[in-house]
Amino acid sequence: MTQVCRHFLNLLDWQPDELKGLIARAIELKKQPSPDHRPLAGKTLAMLFEQASTRTRVGFEAGMNQLGGAAVFLSPQDVHLGRGESIEHTAKVLSEMVDGVMIRTPSYDRLKLFAQNSRVPVINGMTSLNHPCQLLADIQTYWELRGDIAGAKVAFLGDGHNMCRSYVRAARQFGFQLHIACPSGYEPDLASELTSSIILGNDPKSAVANADLVVTDVWTSLAHDESEKSSRIKAFLGYQVTPAVMSEASGDALFMHCLPAHVGEEVSADMLDHPQSVVWTEAGNRLHSQKALLERLLA
């Protein structure tokens, strides 16, 4: 009989109270780190990367180490998945050897297929559809600095890709208002998920007005061919986050970017280290939020 286990593939798969519990635990782990807290001693996480990573890889690898466990990095060149072995067979083999699997893959369907064939917890390390681990860190950062994000106004400027889609799901789960501004033709394909608290438009100034949090992401991501870059830059002119744009938000608004940033495109050089920018704290919180997730799934 196939063992039923809990996965973390999509924010909507977890209840709002469960997600808030993860955030609270992440803040607690960050405030009170203990070398004696080793709930994952003897546990191993396989990390399967089909795309490059900095924050996701280091956050999970360091997190497993700090919780007493171990992490094994696997690229397509390191496993037979890159040489013709099916995703189903890879999932079944790894399930026999490790206690959890984190996957970064372009295809959300591929991620789901892996999870369906896994007897151990599977974590979404990013797909072209969504990036739920990043949202845990983002919400943690806001809560640490401003308190509960419920009822706040969040503005997302730029491409309606995986980060934008993730914010749509987060708005539903955490109860904030989301105002999205994308160029025509680059909106998120999530019409069925839009609610009265999620406003989709093309005007950056309107989206940012009185916002409590302003978020952006690269205009040309790992999922896009570099040949698209010039046309994308042209389409997204006017959507760059700058100190002048932030001045339209509330006086104590925060700025976030999941990184890596393409400075001079979606964000100006003087915005990343602006007093309202919390991108470095946000990046660091990938460690703590992912530790809370690992503890919840594997301990």
Protein backbone atom coordinates (compact mmCIF):
# COMPACT_ATOMS: atom_id res chain seq x y z
CA MET A 1 0.00 0.00 0.00
CA THR A 2 1.28 3.50 -0.90
CA GLN A 3 2.04 5.60 2.15
CA VAL A 4 0.07 8.83 2.33
CA CYS A 5 2.27 11.79 3.27
CA ARG A 6 2.05 15.56 3.34
CA HIS A 7 3.58 17.61 0.53
CA PHE A 8 4.15 21.35 0.08
CA LEU A 9 3.40 22.04 -3.57
CA ASN A 10 0.94 24.93 -3.49
CA LEU A 11 -0.14 27.46 -0.87
CA LEU A 12 -3.76 26.50 -1.52
CA ASP A 13 -3.07 22.91 -0.43
CA TRP A 14 -2.60 24.07 3.17
CA GLN A 15 -5.13 25.75 5.45
CA PRO A 16 -4.54 29.43 6.31
CA ASP A 17 -4.03 28.58 9.99
CA GLU A 18 -1.39 26.00 9.04
CA LEU A 19 0.50 28.55 6.95
CA LYS A 20 0.31 31.12 9.74
CA GLY A 21 1.66 28.46 12.07
CA LEU A 22 4.65 27.97 9.79
CA ILE A 23 5.30 31.71 9.80
CA ALA A 24 5.08 31.89 13.59
CA ARG A 25 7.44 28.95 13.93
CA ALA A 26 9.92 30.48 11.47
CA ILE A 27 10.02 33.69 13.53
CA GLU A 28 10.52 31.65 16.69
CA LEU A 29 13.37 29.62 15.17
CA LYS A 30 15.04 32.82 14.01
CA LYS A 31 14.76 34.54 17.40
CA GLN A 32 15.88 31.59 19.48
CA PRO A 33 18.34 29.45 17.51
CA SER A 34 19.61 26.49 19.52
CA PRO A 35 22.45 24.14 18.59
CA ASP A 36 20.74 21.52 20.74
CA HIS A 37 17.53 21.62 18.68
CA ARG A 38 18.16 18.75 16.25
CA PRO A 39 14.76 17.24 15.41
CA LEU A 40 16.00 16.01 12.02
CA ALA A 41 19.00 14.04 13.31
CA GLY A 42 19.41 11.01 11.06
CA LYS A 43 17.12 12.49 8.38
CA THR A 44 18.16 13.16 4.78
CA LEU A 45 16.67 15.57 2.25
CA ALA A 46 17.30 15.01 -1.45
CA MET A 47 17.42 18.30 -3.38
CA LEU A 48 16.72 17.83 -7.08
CA PHE A 49 17.49 20.94 -9.15
CA GLU A 50 16.58 21.16 -12.82
CA GLN A 51 17.22 24.92 -12.69
CA ALA A 52 19.87 27.05 -11.00
CA SER A 53 19.39 28.30 -7.46
CA THR A 54 21.08 30.28 -4.70
CA ARG A 55 18.59 31.03 -1.90
CA THR A 56 16.55 27.84 -2.26
CA ARG A 57 19.56 25.56 -2.26
CA VAL A 58 21.50 27.27 0.53
CA GLY A 59 18.37 27.73 2.66
CA PHE A 60 17.43 24.06 2.52
CA GLU A 61 20.98 22.73 2.82
CA ALA A 62 21.90 24.98 5.74
CA GLY A 63 18.49 24.39 7.29
CA MET A 64 18.86 20.63 7.26
CA ASN A 65 22.35 20.97 8.76
CA GLN A 66 21.15 23.27 11.55
CA LEU A 67 18.28 20.91 12.38
CA GLY A 68 20.65 17.97 12.65
CA GLY A 69 19.98 16.36 9.27
CA ALA A 70 21.76 16.13 5.94
CA ALA A 71 21.01 17.29 2.40
CA VAL A 72 22.06 15.72 -0.89
CA PHE A 73 22.28 17.99 -3.97
CA LEU A 74 21.26 16.37 -7.25
CA SER A 75 21.41 18.00 -10.69
CA PRO A 76 20.03 16.30 -13.84
CA GLN A 77 23.62 15.37 -14.65
CA ASP A 78 23.98 13.64 -11.27
CA VAL A 79 21.00 11.28 -11.63
CA HIS A 80 19.53 9.09 -14.35
CA LEU A 81 16.54 11.43 -14.59
CA GLY A 82 18.68 13.35 -17.06
CA ARG A 83 19.46 10.15 -18.95
CA GLY A 84 16.00 8.78 -19.59
CA GLU A 85 14.78 7.44 -16.23
CA SER A 86 11.17 8.48 -15.71
CA ILE A 87 10.06 10.96 -13.06
CA GLU A 88 7.86 8.23 -11.57
CA HIS A 89 10.75 5.79 -11.18
CA THR A 90 13.03 8.48 -9.76
CA ALA A 91 10.40 9.33 -7.14
CA LYS A 92 10.01 5.70 -6.13
CA VAL A 93 13.76 5.13 -5.87
CA LEU A 94 14.40 8.25 -3.79
CA SER A 95 11.48 7.33 -1.52
CA GLU A 96 13.39 4.21 -0.53
CA MET A 97 16.49 6.16 0.48
CA VAL A 98 15.64 9.61 1.85
CA ASP A 99 13.11 11.20 4.19
CA GLY A 100 12.04 14.06 1.94
CA VAL A 101 12.61 15.55 -1.50
CA MET A 102 12.81 19.18 -2.56
CA ILE A 103 12.45 19.77 -6.32
CA ARG A 104 13.02 22.82 -8.51
CA THR A 105 11.63 22.15 -11.97
CA PRO A 106 10.04 24.33 -14.65
CA SER A 107 6.97 22.08 -14.87
CA TYR A 108 4.36 22.09 -12.10
CA ASP A 109 2.78 19.00 -13.69
CA ARG A 110 6.14 17.26 -13.44
CA LEU A 111 6.35 18.21 -9.77
CA LYS A 112 2.87 16.83 -9.12
CA LEU A 113 3.69 13.58 -10.93
CA PHE A 114 6.77 13.17 -8.75
CA ALA A 115 4.72 13.77 -5.59
CA GLN A 116 2.07 11.27 -6.68
CA ASN A 117 4.77 8.60 -6.83
CA SER A 118 6.64 9.57 -3.67
CA ARG A 119 6.21 7.92 -0.27
CA VAL A 120 8.04 10.81 1.41
CA PRO A 121 7.17 14.53 1.61
CA VAL A 122 7.87 16.56 -1.53
CA ILE A 123 8.56 20.31 -1.42
CA ASN A 124 8.12 22.71 -4.33
CA GLY A 125 11.43 24.55 -4.69
CA MET A 126 9.96 26.63 -7.56
CA THR A 127 8.16 25.95 -10.81
CA SER A 128 7.10 28.22 -13.65
CA LEU A 129 3.64 28.26 -12.07
CA ASN A 130 4.45 29.15 -8.48
CA HIS A 131 7.07 29.65 -5.77
CA PRO A 132 5.39 28.96 -2.41
CA CYS A 133 8.63 28.78 -0.37
CA GLN A 134 9.43 32.36 -1.36
CA LEU A 135 6.03 33.51 -0.14
CA LEU A 136 6.65 31.99 3.28
CA ALA A 137 9.79 34.13 3.58
CA ASP A 138 8.03 37.23 2.25
CA ILE A 139 5.12 36.95 4.69
CA GLN A 140 7.52 36.22 7.55
CA THR A 141 9.47 39.38 6.72
CA TYR A 142 6.35 41.53 6.68
CA TRP A 143 5.08 40.07 9.96
CA GLU A 144 8.41 40.67 11.69
CA LEU A 145 8.47 44.33 10.66
CA ARG A 146 4.81 45.37 10.43
CA GLY A 147 2.69 42.67 12.07
CA ASP A 148 -0.09 40.61 10.55
CA ILE A 149 -0.43 41.24 6.81
CA ALA A 150 -4.20 40.63 6.85
CA GLY A 151 -5.98 43.72 5.51
CA ALA A 152 -2.79 45.32 4.17
CA LYS A 153 -2.51 46.56 0.58
CA VAL A 154 0.16 44.80 -1.47
CA ALA A 155 1.17 46.04 -4.92
CA PHE A 156 2.84 43.70 -7.41
CA LEU A 157 4.47 45.37 -10.43
CA GLY A 158 5.78 43.52 -13.46
CA ASP A 159 5.42 40.11 -15.06
CA GLY A 160 2.42 37.94 -14.22
CA HIS A 161 4.69 34.92 -13.87
CA ASN A 162 5.26 32.55 -10.95
CA MET A 163 5.85 35.17 -8.24
CA CYS A 164 2.77 37.13 -9.26
CA ARG A 165 0.71 33.94 -9.28
CA SER A 166 2.07 33.04 -5.85
CA TYR A 167 0.98 36.42 -4.50
CA VAL A 168 -2.53 35.78 -5.84
CA ARG A 169 -2.67 32.56 -3.81
CA ALA A 170 -1.09 34.24 -0.77
CA ALA A 171 -3.69 37.01 -0.85
CA ARG A 172 -6.41 34.39 -0.54
CA GLN A 173 -4.66 32.51 2.27
CA PHE A 174 -3.38 35.45 4.33
CA GLY A 175 -6.23 37.91 3.73
CA PHE A 176 -4.47 40.91 2.20
CA GLN A 177 -5.55 43.12 -0.70
CA LEU A 178 -3.49 42.63 -3.85
CA HIS A 179 -3.22 45.19 -6.63
CA ILE A 180 -1.38 43.85 -9.69
CA ALA A 181 -0.03 46.06 -12.49
CA CYS A 182 1.25 44.23 -15.58
CA PRO A 183 1.70 45.35 -19.19
CA SER A 184 -1.10 44.23 -21.47
CA GLY A 185 -0.46 40.67 -22.56
CA TYR A 186 1.69 39.80 -19.53
CA GLU A 187 -1.05 39.36 -16.92
CA PRO A 188 -1.23 36.16 -14.83
CA ASP A 189 -3.46 33.48 -16.33
CA LEU A 190 -5.51 33.12 -13.15
CA ALA A 191 -8.88 34.65 -13.97
CA SER A 192 -10.73 31.93 -12.07
CA GLU A 193 -8.76 32.72 -8.89
CA LEU A 194 -9.32 36.48 -8.81
CA THR A 195 -11.53 37.75 -5.99
CA SER A 196 -12.86 41.15 -4.94
CA SER A 197 -9.67 41.71 -2.91
CA ILE A 198 -7.42 41.06 -5.93
CA ILE A 199 -7.38 43.83 -8.53
CA LEU A 200 -5.65 43.30 -11.88
CA GLY A 201 -4.73 46.27 -14.04
CA ASN A 202 -2.06 47.95 -16.15
CA ASP A 203 -1.40 51.16 -14.17
CA PRO A 204 1.62 50.97 -11.82
CA LYS A 205 0.85 54.28 -10.14
CA SER A 206 -2.67 53.22 -9.22
CA ALA A 207 -1.45 49.86 -7.92
CA VAL A 208 1.23 51.41 -5.69
CA ALA A 209 -0.93 54.24 -4.31
CA ASN A 210 -1.00 53.93 -0.50
CA ALA A 211 0.35 50.37 -0.63
CA ASP A 212 1.88 48.84 2.50
CA LEU A 213 4.14 46.53 0.51
CA VAL A 214 5.50 46.85 -3.03
CA VAL A 215 6.84 43.72 -4.75
CA THR A 216 8.46 43.05 -8.10
CA ASP A 217 10.35 40.29 -9.91
CA VAL A 218 12.57 40.00 -12.98
CA TRP A 219 11.03 40.71 -16.35
CA THR A 220 12.86 37.82 -18.03
CA SER A 221 12.94 34.75 -15.78
CA LEU A 222 14.50 31.30 -16.07
CA ALA A 223 11.36 30.21 -17.93
CA HIS A 224 11.83 32.75 -20.71
CA ASP A 225 14.17 32.53 -23.66
CA GLU A 226 16.85 35.23 -23.72
CA SER A 227 15.66 36.12 -27.24
CA GLU A 228 12.56 37.61 -25.57
CA LYS A 229 14.59 39.97 -23.41
CA SER A 230 14.64 43.03 -25.67
CA SER A 231 10.90 42.86 -26.40
CA ARG A 232 10.16 42.35 -22.71
CA ILE A 233 12.25 45.33 -21.63
CA LYS A 234 10.38 47.47 -24.12
CA ALA A 235 6.98 46.20 -22.93
CA PHE A 236 7.81 46.72 -19.25
CA LEU A 237 9.13 50.28 -19.47
CA GLY A 238 7.31 52.25 -16.81
CA TYR A 239 7.05 49.30 -14.40
CA GLN A 240 10.46 49.74 -12.75
CA VAL A 241 10.37 50.20 -8.98
CA THR A 242 12.32 53.30 -7.96
CA PRO A 243 12.35 55.58 -4.91
CA ALA A 244 9.98 57.87 -6.84
CA VAL A 245 7.54 54.99 -7.30
CA MET A 246 7.83 54.08 -3.61
CA SER A 247 6.94 57.65 -2.68
CA GLU A 248 3.43 56.94 -4.00
CA ALA A 249 3.03 54.12 -1.42
CA SER A 250 2.33 54.62 2.29
CA GLY A 251 5.05 56.34 4.28
CA ASP A 252 6.21 53.14 5.97
CA ALA A 253 5.74 50.83 2.99
CA LEU A 254 8.24 48.03 2.43
CA PHE A 255 9.86 46.93 -0.82
CA MET A 256 10.56 43.27 -1.61
CA HIS A 257 12.17 41.37 -4.46
CA CYS A 258 12.71 37.60 -4.44
CA LEU A 259 16.11 38.00 -6.15
CA PRO A 260 18.23 37.70 -8.20
CA ALA A 261 17.58 41.24 -9.39
CA HIS A 262 18.26 42.65 -12.82
CA VAL A 263 19.31 46.10 -11.64
CA GLY A 264 18.28 48.80 -14.10
CA GLU A 265 15.32 46.76 -15.34
CA GLU A 266 12.59 45.89 -12.81
CA VAL A 267 14.38 47.76 -9.99
CA SER A 268 16.64 50.80 -9.97
CA ALA A 269 20.14 50.63 -8.51
CA ASP A 270 19.22 52.99 -5.68
CA MET A 271 16.14 50.99 -4.66
CA LEU A 272 17.70 47.72 -3.47
CA ASP A 273 19.52 49.45 -0.60
CA HIS A 274 16.86 52.09 -0.05
CA PRO A 275 15.67 52.52 3.58
CA GLN A 276 12.32 51.00 2.62
CA SER A 277 13.92 47.97 0.97
CA VAL A 278 14.00 44.74 2.98
CA VAL A 279 15.28 42.44 0.22
CA TRP A 280 18.30 41.21 2.22
CA THR A 281 16.22 40.37 5.28
CA GLU A 282 13.69 38.73 2.97
CA ALA A 283 16.45 36.61 1.40
CA GLY A 284 17.78 35.60 4.81
CA ASN A 285 14.33 34.55 5.93
CA ARG A 286 14.35 31.83 3.29
CA LEU A 287 16.51 29.90 5.77
CA HIS A 288 14.17 30.30 8.73
CA SER A 289 10.88 29.72 6.91
CA GLN A 290 12.29 26.66 5.16
CA LYS A 291 13.54 25.32 8.49
CA ALA A 292 10.01 25.64 9.88
CA LEU A 293 8.69 23.79 6.83
CA LEU A 294 11.30 21.02 7.10
CA GLU A 295 10.55 20.62 10.81
CA ARG A 296 6.81 20.38 10.10
CA LEU A 297 7.16 17.82 7.29
CA LEU A 298 10.09 15.66 8.41
CA ALA A 299 10.35 15.80 12.20
